[in-house]
């Protein structure tokens, strides 16, 4: 992708843009999407999961080397994503590059944020060979 690589200990989060869509059209690959939500029953879990993400070296490696990471505020979600349940039924997902439908969704409310992040890293590692 065109953006510079993130620092070794961080994640480069991108926004939804025409530039990103063009890059994905030229080089299709799944996308990790994170949608923050101020709703009080979800927000603390999302915040904890988001803050746990940079601590996971496996996730950082996948997002640095291969998969793009998107951070999209709820008010900026494209209607297509909303129709799939983005921002209401789910807030963290791996999207297909073909239509941006969710391939895998993750529930941050179910437990330990580090375990949720580890699950995301594991899924990305398993998906990668199919897209290389």
C-alpha atoms as a PDB file:
ATOM      1  CA  UNK A   1       0.000   0.000   0.000  1.00  0.00           C
ATOM      2  CA  UNK A   2       1.138   3.565  -0.552  1.00  0.00           C
ATOM      3  CA  UNK A   3       1.298   4.710   3.085  1.00  0.00           C
ATOM      4  CA  UNK A   4       4.616   4.472   4.921  1.00  0.00           C
ATOM      5  CA  UNK A   5       5.171   1.537   7.211  1.00  0.00           C
ATOM      6  CA  UNK A   6       4.116   2.087  10.817  1.00  0.00           C
ATOM      7  CA  UNK A   7       6.642   2.006  13.630  1.00  0.00           C
ATOM      8  CA  UNK A   8       7.708  -1.448  14.804  1.00  0.00           C
ATOM      9  CA  UNK A   9       5.540  -1.121  17.911  1.00  0.00           C
ATOM     10  CA  UNK A  10       2.443   0.433  16.322  1.00  0.00           C
ATOM     11  CA  UNK A  11      -0.318  -0.071  13.786  1.00  0.00           C
ATOM     12  CA  UNK A  12      -0.934   2.180  10.803  1.00  0.00           C
ATOM     13  CA  UNK A  13      -4.676   2.822  10.824  1.00  0.00           C
ATOM     14  CA  UNK A  14      -6.102   4.229   7.630  1.00  0.00           C
ATOM     15  CA  UNK A  15      -9.416   5.880   6.888  1.00  0.00           C
ATOM     16  CA  UNK A  16     -11.959   5.014   4.227  1.00  0.00           C
ATOM     17  CA  UNK A  17     -10.861   6.813   1.054  1.00  0.00           C
ATOM     18  CA  UNK A  18     -10.906   6.640  -2.730  1.00  0.00           C
ATOM     19  CA  UNK A  19      -7.140   6.117  -2.609  1.00  0.00           C
ATOM     20  CA  UNK A  20      -7.539   3.011  -0.449  1.00  0.00           C
ATOM     21  CA  UNK A  21     -10.302   1.643  -2.675  1.00  0.00           C
ATOM     22  CA  UNK A  22      -8.062   2.101  -5.719  1.00  0.00           C
ATOM     23  CA  UNK A  23      -5.181   0.302  -4.027  1.00  0.00           C
ATOM     24  CA  UNK A  24      -7.421  -2.592  -3.033  1.00  0.00           C
ATOM     25  CA  UNK A  25      -8.799  -2.838  -6.571  1.00  0.00           C
ATOM     26  CA  UNK A  26      -5.227  -3.083  -7.893  1.00  0.00           C
ATOM     27  CA  UNK A  27      -4.090  -5.529  -5.199  1.00  0.00           C
ATOM     28  CA  UNK A  28      -7.087  -7.221  -3.534  1.00  0.00           C
ATOM     29  CA  UNK A  29      -6.707  -8.499   0.017  1.00  0.00           C
ATOM     30  CA  UNK A  30      -8.895  -8.674   3.113  1.00  0.00           C
ATOM     31  CA  UNK A  31      -9.062  -5.616   5.359  1.00  0.00           C
ATOM     32  CA  UNK A  32      -9.230  -5.380   9.148  1.00  0.00           C
ATOM     33  CA  UNK A  33     -11.950  -2.863  10.068  1.00  0.00           C
ATOM     34  CA  UNK A  34     -12.300  -1.280  13.502  1.00  0.00           C
ATOM     35  CA  UNK A  35     -15.287   0.952  14.307  1.00  0.00           C
ATOM     36  CA  UNK A  36     -15.247   2.802  17.640  1.00  0.00           C
ATOM     37  CA  UNK A  37     -18.629   3.100  19.314  1.00  0.00           C
ATOM     38  CA  UNK A  38     -19.530   5.469  22.145  1.00  0.00           C
ATOM     39  CA  UNK A  39     -22.434   3.237  23.231  1.00  0.00           C
ATOM     40  CA  UNK A  40     -21.755   2.554  26.947  1.00  0.00           C
ATOM     41  CA  UNK A  41     -22.283  -1.208  26.832  1.00  0.00           C
ATOM     42  CA  UNK A  42     -19.678  -1.643  24.080  1.00  0.00           C
ATOM     43  CA  UNK A  43     -17.273   1.318  24.303  1.00  0.00           C
ATOM     44  CA  UNK A  44     -15.124   0.074  27.232  1.00  0.00           C
ATOM     45  CA  UNK A  45     -14.544  -3.287  25.531  1.00  0.00           C
ATOM     46  CA  UNK A  46     -13.722  -1.701  22.179  1.00  0.00           C
ATOM     47  CA  UNK A  47     -11.347   0.756  23.832  1.00  0.00           C
ATOM     48  CA  UNK A  48      -9.549  -2.030  25.716  1.00  0.00           C
ATOM     49  CA  UNK A  49      -9.276  -4.151  22.573  1.00  0.00           C
ATOM     50  CA  UNK A  50      -7.997  -1.219  20.515  1.00  0.00           C
ATOM     51  CA  UNK A  51      -5.333  -0.438  23.119  1.00  0.00           C
ATOM     52  CA  UNK A  52      -4.301  -4.118  23.297  1.00  0.00           C
ATOM     53  CA  UNK A  53      -3.740  -4.385  19.543  1.00  0.00           C
ATOM     54  CA  UNK A  54      -0.270  -2.775  19.316  1.00  0.00           C
ATOM     55  CA  UNK A  55       1.036  -5.098  22.056  1.00  0.00           C
ATOM     56  CA  UNK A  56       0.445  -8.168  19.871  1.00  0.00           C
ATOM     57  CA  UNK A  57       3.550  -8.681  17.696  1.00  0.00           C
ATOM     58  CA  UNK A  58       1.777 -11.203  15.447  1.00  0.00           C
ATOM     59  CA  UNK A  59      -1.028  -8.760  14.677  1.00  0.00           C
ATOM     60  CA  UNK A  60       1.410  -5.899  14.088  1.00  0.00           C
ATOM     61  CA  UNK A  61       3.381  -8.051  11.644  1.00  0.00           C
ATOM     62  CA  UNK A  62       0.293  -9.010   9.629  1.00  0.00           C
ATOM     63  CA  UNK A  63      -0.958  -5.427   9.473  1.00  0.00           C
ATOM     64  CA  UNK A  64       2.461  -4.004   8.670  1.00  0.00           C
ATOM     65  CA  UNK A  65       3.416  -6.550   6.023  1.00  0.00           C
ATOM     66  CA  UNK A  66       0.225  -7.567   4.286  1.00  0.00           C
ATOM     67  CA  UNK A  67      -3.265  -6.566   5.458  1.00  0.00           C
ATOM     68  CA  UNK A  68      -4.521  -2.972   5.575  1.00  0.00           C
ATOM     69  CA  UNK A  69      -6.111  -1.751   8.819  1.00  0.00           C
ATOM     70  CA  UNK A  70      -9.081   0.625   8.681  1.00  0.00           C
ATOM     71  CA  UNK A  71     -10.369   2.789  11.510  1.00  0.00           C
ATOM     72  CA  UNK A  72     -13.695   4.346  10.581  1.00  0.00           C
ATOM     73  CA  UNK A  73     -15.805   6.517  12.862  1.00  0.00           C
ATOM     74  CA  UNK A  74     -19.488   5.423  12.922  1.00  0.00           C
ATOM     75  CA  UNK A  75     -20.677   8.630  11.252  1.00  0.00           C
ATOM     76  CA  UNK A  76     -18.285   8.093   8.334  1.00  0.00           C
ATOM     77  CA  UNK A  77     -19.276   4.501   7.532  1.00  0.00           C
ATOM     78  CA  UNK A  78     -20.294   3.974   3.916  1.00  0.00           C
ATOM     79  CA  UNK A  79     -23.892   2.854   3.500  1.00  0.00           C
ATOM     80  CA  UNK A  80     -22.757  -0.478   2.025  1.00  0.00           C
ATOM     81  CA  UNK A  81     -20.947  -1.344   5.260  1.00  0.00           C
ATOM     82  CA  UNK A  82     -23.931  -0.262   7.355  1.00  0.00           C
ATOM     83  CA  UNK A  83     -26.153  -2.606   5.346  1.00  0.00           C
ATOM     84  CA  UNK A  84     -23.901  -5.508   6.427  1.00  0.00           C
ATOM     85  CA  UNK A  85     -24.320  -4.518  10.094  1.00  0.00           C
ATOM     86  CA  UNK A  86     -21.150  -2.457  10.562  1.00  0.00           C
ATOM     87  CA  UNK A  87     -21.456  -0.207  13.589  1.00  0.00           C
ATOM     88  CA  UNK A  88     -24.582  -1.933  14.886  1.00  0.00           C
ATOM     89  CA  UNK A  89     -24.265  -5.741  14.902  1.00  0.00           C
ATOM     90  CA  UNK A  90     -20.459  -5.767  14.755  1.00  0.00           C
ATOM     91  CA  UNK A  91     -17.578  -3.310  15.126  1.00  0.00           C
ATOM     92  CA  UNK A  92     -14.456  -5.374  14.438  1.00  0.00           C
ATOM     93  CA  UNK A  93     -14.257  -7.499  11.302  1.00  0.00           C
ATOM     94  CA  UNK A  94     -12.107  -8.773   8.498  1.00  0.00           C
ATOM     95  CA  UNK A  95     -13.720  -7.658   5.255  1.00  0.00           C
ATOM     96  CA  UNK A  96     -13.531  -9.260   1.854  1.00  0.00           C
ATOM     97  CA  UNK A  97     -11.892  -6.987  -0.725  1.00  0.00           C
ATOM     98  CA  UNK A  98     -14.739  -7.927  -3.065  1.00  0.00           C
ATOM     99  CA  UNK A  99     -17.756  -5.965  -1.854  1.00  0.00           C
ATOM    100  CA  UNK A 100     -16.385  -5.377   1.667  1.00  0.00           C
ATOM    101  CA  UNK A 101     -18.765  -7.869   3.230  1.00  0.00           C
ATOM    102  CA  UNK A 102     -17.601  -9.257   6.581  1.00  0.00           C
ATOM    103  CA  UNK A 103     -15.700 -12.541   6.288  1.00  0.00           C
ATOM    104  CA  UNK A 104     -15.084 -12.843  10.047  1.00  0.00           C
ATOM    105  CA  UNK A 105     -16.456 -10.698  12.873  1.00  0.00           C
ATOM    106  CA  UNK A 106     -15.024 -10.433  16.389  1.00  0.00           C
ATOM    107  CA  UNK A 107     -16.921  -9.786  19.608  1.00  0.00           C
ATOM    108  CA  UNK A 108     -14.868  -7.608  21.978  1.00  0.00           C
ATOM    109  CA  UNK A 109     -17.474  -7.934  24.739  1.00  0.00           C
ATOM    110  CA  UNK A 110     -16.888 -11.653  25.228  1.00  0.00           C
ATOM    111  CA  UNK A 111     -13.741 -11.441  27.287  1.00  0.00           C
ATOM    112  CA  UNK A 112     -10.104 -10.592  27.668  1.00  0.00           C
ATOM    113  CA  UNK A 113      -8.988  -7.942  25.124  1.00  0.00           C
ATOM    114  CA  UNK A 114      -5.627  -9.667  24.602  1.00  0.00           C
ATOM    115  CA  UNK A 115      -7.478 -12.899  23.714  1.00  0.00           C
ATOM    116  CA  UNK A 116      -9.662 -11.060  21.190  1.00  0.00           C
ATOM    117  CA  UNK A 117      -6.559  -9.504  19.614  1.00  0.00           C
ATOM    118  CA  UNK A 118      -4.834 -12.883  19.532  1.00  0.00           C
ATOM    119  CA  UNK A 119      -7.849 -14.363  17.757  1.00  0.00           C
ATOM    120  CA  UNK A 120      -7.696 -11.588  15.130  1.00  0.00           C
ATOM    121  CA  UNK A 121      -3.980 -12.266  14.584  1.00  0.00           C
ATOM    122  CA  UNK A 122      -4.609 -15.996  14.235  1.00  0.00           C
ATOM    123  CA  UNK A 123      -7.354 -15.498  11.645  1.00  0.00           C
ATOM    124  CA  UNK A 124      -5.186 -13.121   9.604  1.00  0.00           C
ATOM    125  CA  UNK A 125      -2.282 -15.593   9.708  1.00  0.00           C
ATOM    126  CA  UNK A 126      -4.563 -18.345   8.430  1.00  0.00           C
ATOM    127  CA  UNK A 127      -6.042 -16.157   5.679  1.00  0.00           C
ATOM    128  CA  UNK A 128      -2.742 -14.866   4.372  1.00  0.00           C
ATOM    129  CA  UNK A 129      -1.609 -17.933   2.340  1.00  0.00           C
ATOM    130  CA  UNK A 130      -4.876 -17.820   0.362  1.00  0.00           C
ATOM    131  CA  UNK A 131      -4.190 -14.212  -0.697  1.00  0.00           C
ATOM    132  CA  UNK A 132      -0.443 -14.342  -1.423  1.00  0.00           C
END
